[in-house]
Amino acid sequence: MASSRVPACTVAPAAEAQLEAEITELQATRDGWQKGGMLGKADHCSADGRPCIQVDERGWGVRGA
């Protein structure tokens, strides 16, 4: 019987470093938004633990314009 498991994925060191840099940048952006009061809530919102962010759009201009 063949295994139905998906094999582990390996990432080239250069690609891994790039992804880590992007994560660092995104976390800094998130932190800035939180400090500026632009995020209502940062949480994990799906069964697989994917992060989601509730954005407070008040004061961001006219919606639909």
PDB file of N, CA and C in Angstrom:
ATOM      1  N   MET A   1       0.847  -1.182   0.000  1.00  0.00           N
ATOM      2  CA  MET A   1       0.000   0.000   0.000  1.00  0.00           C
ATOM      3  C   MET A   1       0.889   1.241   0.000  1.00  0.00           C
ATOM      4  N   ALA A   2       0.644   2.161  -0.913  1.00  0.00           N
ATOM      5  CA  ALA A   2       1.436   3.382  -1.026  1.00  0.00           C
ATOM      6  C   ALA A   2       1.024   4.377   0.051  1.00  0.00           C
ATOM      7  N   SER A   3       1.990   5.147   0.505  1.00  0.00           N
ATOM      8  CA  SER A   3       1.732   6.158   1.520  1.00  0.00           C
ATOM      9  C   SER A   3       1.015   7.350   0.890  1.00  0.00           C
ATOM     10  N   SER A   4       0.040   7.893   1.604  1.00  0.00           N
ATOM     11  CA  SER A   4      -0.687   9.065   1.099  1.00  0.00           C
ATOM     12  C   SER A   4      -0.121  10.352   1.675  1.00  0.00           C
ATOM     13  N   ARG A   5       0.962  10.262   2.458  1.00  0.00           N
ATOM     14  CA  ARG A   5       1.573  11.450   3.045  1.00  0.00           C
ATOM     15  C   ARG A   5       2.258  12.281   1.973  1.00  0.00           C
ATOM     16  N   VAL A   6       2.166  13.580   2.128  1.00  0.00           N
ATOM     17  CA  VAL A   6       2.859  14.501   1.231  1.00  0.00           C
ATOM     18  C   VAL A   6       4.285  14.626   1.729  1.00  0.00           C
ATOM     19  N   PRO A   7       5.272  14.472   0.845  1.00  0.00           N
ATOM     20  CA  PRO A   7       6.656  14.571   1.310  1.00  0.00           C
ATOM     21  C   PRO A   7       6.987  15.979   1.792  1.00  0.00           C
ATOM     22  N   ALA A   8       7.914  16.063   2.712  1.00  0.00           N
ATOM     23  CA  ALA A   8       8.338  17.360   3.228  1.00  0.00           C
ATOM     24  C   ALA A   8       8.963  18.172   2.099  1.00  0.00           C
ATOM     25  N   CYS A   9       8.731  19.453   2.140  1.00  0.00           N
ATOM     26  CA  CYS A   9       9.254  20.353   1.125  1.00  0.00           C
ATOM     27  C   CYS A   9      10.546  20.973   1.638  1.00  0.00           C
ATOM     28  N   THR A  10      11.547  20.975   0.797  1.00  0.00           N
ATOM     29  CA  THR A  10      12.787  21.638   1.171  1.00  0.00           C
ATOM     30  C   THR A  10      12.891  22.925   0.369  1.00  0.00           C
ATOM     31  N   VAL A  11      13.442  23.932   0.986  1.00  0.00           N
ATOM     32  CA  VAL A  11      13.563  25.242   0.364  1.00  0.00           C
ATOM     33  C   VAL A  11      15.046  25.574   0.256  1.00  0.00           C
ATOM     34  N   ALA A  12      15.441  26.097  -0.884  1.00  0.00           N
ATOM     35  CA  ALA A  12      16.831  26.504  -1.071  1.00  0.00           C
ATOM     36  C   ALA A  12      17.183  27.576  -0.052  1.00  0.00           C
ATOM     37  N   PRO A  13      18.417  27.586   0.433  1.00  0.00           N
ATOM     38  CA  PRO A  13      18.810  28.571   1.450  1.00  0.00           C
ATOM     39  C   PRO A  13      18.519  30.016   1.049  1.00  0.00           C
ATOM     40  N   ALA A  14      18.734  30.368  -0.208  1.00  0.00           N
ATOM     41  CA  ALA A  14      18.474  31.750  -0.647  1.00  0.00           C
ATOM     42  C   ALA A  14      16.987  32.067  -0.562  1.00  0.00           C
ATOM     43  N   ALA A  15      16.151  31.115  -0.966  1.00  0.00           N
ATOM     44  CA  ALA A  15      14.705  31.322  -0.905  1.00  0.00           C
ATOM     45  C   ALA A  15      14.240  31.395   0.550  1.00  0.00           C
ATOM     46  N   GLU A  16      14.820  30.565   1.399  1.00  0.00           N
ATOM     47  CA  GLU A  16      14.460  30.583   2.818  1.00  0.00           C
ATOM     48  C   GLU A  16      14.817  31.932   3.442  1.00  0.00           C
ATOM     49  N   ALA A  17      15.983  32.457   3.114  1.00  0.00           N
ATOM     50  CA  ALA A  17      16.401  33.759   3.648  1.00  0.00           C
ATOM     51  C   ALA A  17      15.466  34.858   3.162  1.00  0.00           C
ATOM     52  N   GLN A  18      15.045  34.781   1.906  1.00  0.00           N
ATOM     53  CA  GLN A  18      14.123  35.779   1.364  1.00  0.00           C
ATOM     54  C   GLN A  18      12.781  35.715   2.083  1.00  0.00           C
ATOM     55  N   LEU A  19      12.274  34.505   2.308  1.00  0.00           N
ATOM     56  CA  LEU A  19      11.000  34.352   3.013  1.00  0.00           C
ATOM     57  C   LEU A  19      11.100  34.865   4.448  1.00  0.00           C
ATOM     58  N   GLU A  20      12.209  34.581   5.112  1.00  0.00           N
ATOM     59  CA  GLU A  20      12.390  35.068   6.481  1.00  0.00           C
ATOM     60  C   GLU A  20      12.432  36.597   6.515  1.00  0.00           C
ATOM     61  N   ALA A  21      13.058  37.212   5.514  1.00  0.00           N
ATOM     62  CA  ALA A  21      13.103  38.675   5.438  1.00  0.00           C
ATOM     63  C   ALA A  21      11.702  39.244   5.220  1.00  0.00           C
ATOM     64  N   GLU A  22      10.907  38.580   4.377  1.00  0.00           N
ATOM     65  CA  GLU A  22       9.534  39.033   4.143  1.00  0.00           C
ATOM     66  C   GLU A  22       8.689  38.911   5.403  1.00  0.00           C
ATOM     67  N   ILE A  23       8.867  37.836   6.140  1.00  0.00           N
ATOM     68  CA  ILE A  23       8.134  37.654   7.397  1.00  0.00           C
ATOM     69  C   ILE A  23       8.489  38.773   8.373  1.00  0.00           C
ATOM     70  N   THR A  24       9.771  39.076   8.485  1.00  0.00           N
ATOM     71  CA  THR A  24      10.220  40.143   9.385  1.00  0.00           C
ATOM     72  C   THR A  24       9.592  41.474   8.986  1.00  0.00           C
ATOM     73  N   GLU A  25       9.576  41.760   7.683  1.00  0.00           N
ATOM     74  CA  GLU A  25       8.986  43.011   7.192  1.00  0.00           C
ATOM     75  C   GLU A  25       7.490  43.074   7.476  1.00  0.00           C
ATOM     76  N   LEU A  26       6.790  41.968   7.247  1.00  0.00           N
ATOM     77  CA  LEU A  26       5.347  41.939   7.494  1.00  0.00           C
ATOM     78  C   LEU A  26       5.033  42.100   8.981  1.00  0.00           C
ATOM     79  N   GLN A  27       5.843  41.480   9.832  1.00  0.00           N
ATOM     80  CA  GLN A  27       5.627  41.629  11.274  1.00  0.00           C
ATOM     81  C   GLN A  27       5.858  43.066  11.714  1.00  0.00           C
ATOM     82  N   ALA A  28       6.857  43.719  11.153  1.00  0.00           N
ATOM     83  CA  ALA A  28       7.114  45.123  11.491  1.00  0.00           C
ATOM     84  C   ALA A  28       5.960  46.002  11.031  1.00  0.00           C
ATOM     85  N   THR A  29       5.428  45.725   9.859  1.00  0.00           N
ATOM     86  CA  THR A  29       4.283  46.480   9.346  1.00  0.00           C
ATOM     87  C   THR A  29       3.077  46.292  10.265  1.00  0.00           C
ATOM     88  N   ARG A  30       2.829  45.044  10.643  1.00  0.00           N
ATOM     89  CA  ARG A  30       1.713  44.745  11.555  1.00  0.00           C
ATOM     90  C   ARG A  30       1.885  45.483  12.873  1.00  0.00           C
ATOM     91  N   ASP A  31       3.096  45.458  13.410  1.00  0.00           N
ATOM     92  CA  ASP A  31       3.359  46.127  14.685  1.00  0.00           C
ATOM     93  C   ASP A  31       3.106  47.629  14.572  1.00  0.00           C
ATOM     94  N   GLY A  32       3.522  48.225  13.465  1.00  0.00           N
ATOM     95  CA  GLY A  32       3.279  49.649  13.239  1.00  0.00           C
ATOM     96  C   GLY A  32       1.802  49.964  13.154  1.00  0.00           C
ATOM     97  N   TRP A  33       1.059  49.098  12.472  1.00  0.00           N
ATOM     98  CA  TRP A  33      -0.392  49.300  12.372  1.00  0.00           C
ATOM     99  C   TRP A  33      -1.046  49.198  13.742  1.00  0.00           C
ATOM    100  N   GLN A  34      -0.596  48.233  14.548  1.00  0.00           N
ATOM    101  CA  GLN A  34      -1.169  48.087  15.883  1.00  0.00           C
ATOM    102  C   GLN A  34      -0.870  49.313  16.737  1.00  0.00           C
ATOM    103  N   LYS A  35       0.353  49.794  16.688  1.00  0.00           N
ATOM    104  CA  LYS A  35       0.728  50.977  17.469  1.00  0.00           C
ATOM    105  C   LYS A  35      -0.035  52.208  17.004  1.00  0.00           C
ATOM    106  N   GLY A  36      -0.334  52.287  15.718  1.00  0.00           N
ATOM    107  CA  GLY A  36      -1.065  53.424  15.169  1.00  0.00           C
ATOM    108  C   GLY A  36      -2.568  53.307  15.326  1.00  0.00           C
ATOM    109  N   GLY A  37      -3.038  52.214  15.931  1.00  0.00           N
ATOM    110  CA  GLY A  37      -4.471  52.034  16.156  1.00  0.00           C
ATOM    111  C   GLY A  37      -5.243  51.651  14.909  1.00  0.00           C
ATOM    112  N   MET A  38      -4.563  51.152  13.896  1.00  0.00           N
ATOM    113  CA  MET A  38      -5.245  50.803  12.649  1.00  0.00           C
ATOM    114  C   MET A  38      -5.742  49.365  12.621  1.00  0.00           C
ATOM    115  N   LEU A  39      -5.356  48.562  13.592  1.00  0.00           N
ATOM    116  CA  LEU A  39      -5.826  47.186  13.646  1.00  0.00           C
ATOM    117  C   LEU A  39      -6.768  47.016  14.825  1.00  0.00           C
ATOM    118  N   GLY A  40      -7.941  46.517  14.537  1.00  0.00           N
ATOM    119  CA  GLY A  40      -8.872  46.240  15.610  1.00  0.00           C
ATOM    120  C   GLY A  40      -8.536  44.949  16.319  1.00  0.00           C
ATOM    121  N   LYS A  41      -8.014  43.979  15.563  1.00  0.00           N
ATOM    122  CA  LYS A  41      -7.755  42.679  16.150  1.00  0.00           C
ATOM    123  C   LYS A  41      -6.818  41.891  15.245  1.00  0.00           C
ATOM    124  N   ALA A  42      -5.798  41.308  15.799  1.00  0.00           N
ATOM    125  CA  ALA A  42      -4.930  40.373  15.091  1.00  0.00           C
ATOM    126  C   ALA A  42      -5.086  39.031  15.788  1.00  0.00           C
ATOM    127  N   ASP A  43      -5.463  38.010  15.043  1.00  0.00           N
ATOM    128  CA  ASP A  43      -5.807  36.741  15.656  1.00  0.00           C
ATOM    129  C   ASP A  43      -5.546  35.616  14.668  1.00  0.00           C
ATOM    130  N   HIS A  44      -5.823  34.404  15.100  1.00  0.00           N
ATOM    131  CA  HIS A  44      -5.818  33.237  14.227  1.00  0.00           C
ATOM    132  C   HIS A  44      -7.274  32.831  14.049  1.00  0.00           C
ATOM    133  N   CYS A  45      -7.719  32.750  12.796  1.00  0.00           N
ATOM    134  CA  CYS A  45      -9.161  32.649  12.587  1.00  0.00           C
ATOM    135  C   CYS A  45      -9.611  31.441  11.781  1.00  0.00           C
ATOM    136  N   SER A  46      -8.743  30.519  11.481  1.00  0.00           N
ATOM    137  CA  SER A  46      -9.195  29.358  10.732  1.00  0.00           C
ATOM    138  C   SER A  46      -8.778  28.083  11.458  1.00  0.00           C
ATOM    139  N   ALA A  47      -9.334  26.980  11.015  1.00  0.00           N
ATOM    140  CA  ALA A  47      -9.048  25.708  11.663  1.00  0.00           C
ATOM    141  C   ALA A  47      -7.563  25.352  11.580  1.00  0.00           C
ATOM    142  N   ASP A  48      -6.881  25.818  10.533  1.00  0.00           N
ATOM    143  CA  ASP A  48      -5.464  25.505  10.378  1.00  0.00           C
ATOM    144  C   ASP A  48      -4.557  26.533  11.054  1.00  0.00           C
ATOM    145  N   GLY A  49      -5.137  27.505  11.770  1.00  0.00           N
ATOM    146  CA  GLY A  49      -4.352  28.479  12.517  1.00  0.00           C
ATOM    147  C   GLY A  49      -3.799  29.616  11.691  1.00  0.00           C
ATOM    148  N   ARG A  50      -4.352  29.823  10.496  1.00  0.00           N
ATOM    149  CA  ARG A  50      -3.885  30.915   9.627  1.00  0.00           C
ATOM    150  C   ARG A  50      -4.185  32.251  10.288  1.00  0.00           C
ATOM    151  N   PRO A  51      -3.199  33.155  10.313  1.00  0.00           N
ATOM    152  CA  PRO A  51      -3.458  34.465  10.925  1.00  0.00           C
ATOM    153  C   PRO A  51      -4.421  35.299  10.090  1.00  0.00           C
ATOM    154  N   CYS A  52      -5.246  36.056  10.761  1.00  0.00           N
ATOM    155  CA  CYS A  52      -6.143  36.986  10.080  1.00  0.00           C
ATOM    156  C   CYS A  52      -6.141  38.288  10.873  1.00  0.00           C
ATOM    157  N   ILE A  53      -6.479  39.343  10.199  1.00  0.00           N
ATOM    158  CA  ILE A  53      -6.445  40.659  10.817  1.00  0.00           C
ATOM    159  C   ILE A  53      -7.748  41.382  10.547  1.00  0.00           C
ATOM    160  N   GLN A  54      -8.348  41.922  11.579  1.00  0.00           N
ATOM    161  CA  GLN A  54      -9.530  42.764  11.440  1.00  0.00           C
ATOM    162  C   GLN A  54      -9.043  44.196  11.348  1.00  0.00           C
ATOM    163  N   VAL A  55      -9.369  44.860  10.255  1.00  0.00           N
ATOM    164  CA  VAL A  55      -8.902  46.222  10.018  1.00  0.00           C
ATOM    165  C   VAL A  55     -10.009  47.215  10.355  1.00  0.00           C
ATOM    166  N   ASP A  56      -9.657  48.249  11.092  1.00  0.00           N
ATOM    167  CA  ASP A  56     -10.595  49.317  11.424  1.00  0.00           C
ATOM    168  C   ASP A  56     -10.534  50.349  10.303  1.00  0.00           C
ATOM    169  N   GLU A  57     -11.558  50.404   9.475  1.00  0.00           N
ATOM    170  CA  GLU A  57     -11.573  51.272   8.302  1.00  0.00           C
ATOM    171  C   GLU A  57     -12.150  52.655   8.577  1.00  0.00           C
ATOM    172  N   ARG A  58     -12.569  52.910   9.797  1.00  0.00           N
ATOM    173  CA  ARG A  58     -13.102  54.238  10.117  1.00  0.00           C
ATOM    174  C   ARG A  58     -12.010  55.279   9.933  1.00  0.00           C
ATOM    175  N   GLY A  59     -12.357  56.352   9.262  1.00  0.00           N
ATOM    176  CA  GLY A  59     -11.406  57.424   9.061  1.00  0.00           C
ATOM    177  C   GLY A  59     -10.464  57.211   7.892  1.00  0.00           C
ATOM    178  N   TRP A  60     -10.699  56.178   7.092  1.00  0.00           N
ATOM    179  CA  TRP A  60      -9.839  55.873   5.965  1.00  0.00           C
ATOM    180  C   TRP A  60     -10.368  56.489   4.672  1.00  0.00           C
ATOM    181  N   GLY A  61     -11.364  57.321   4.748  1.00  0.00           N
ATOM    182  CA  GLY A  61     -11.916  57.919   3.535  1.00  0.00           C
ATOM    183  C   GLY A  61     -13.307  57.397   3.274  1.00  0.00           C
ATOM    184  N   VAL A  62     -13.836  57.765   2.146  1.00  0.00           N
ATOM    185  CA  VAL A  62     -15.187  57.372   1.769  1.00  0.00           C
ATOM    186  C   VAL A  62     -15.157  55.998   1.144  1.00  0.00           C
ATOM    187  N   ARG A  63     -15.966  55.094   1.664  1.00  0.00           N
ATOM    188  CA  ARG A  63     -16.049  53.752   1.097  1.00  0.00           C
ATOM    189  C   ARG A  63     -16.735  53.799  -0.265  1.00  0.00           C
ATOM    190  N   GLY A  64     -16.237  52.990  -1.154  1.00  0.00           N
ATOM    191  CA  GLY A  64     -16.850  52.874  -2.476  1.00  0.00           C
ATOM    192  C   GLY A  64     -16.463  53.978  -3.427  1.00  0.00           C
ATOM    193  N   ALA A  65     -15.605  54.873  -3.000  1.00  0.00           N
ATOM    194  CA  ALA A  65     -15.203  55.976  -3.878  1.00  0.00           C
ATOM    195  C   ALA A  65     -14.059  55.557  -4.765  1.00  0.00           C
TER     196      ALA A  65
END
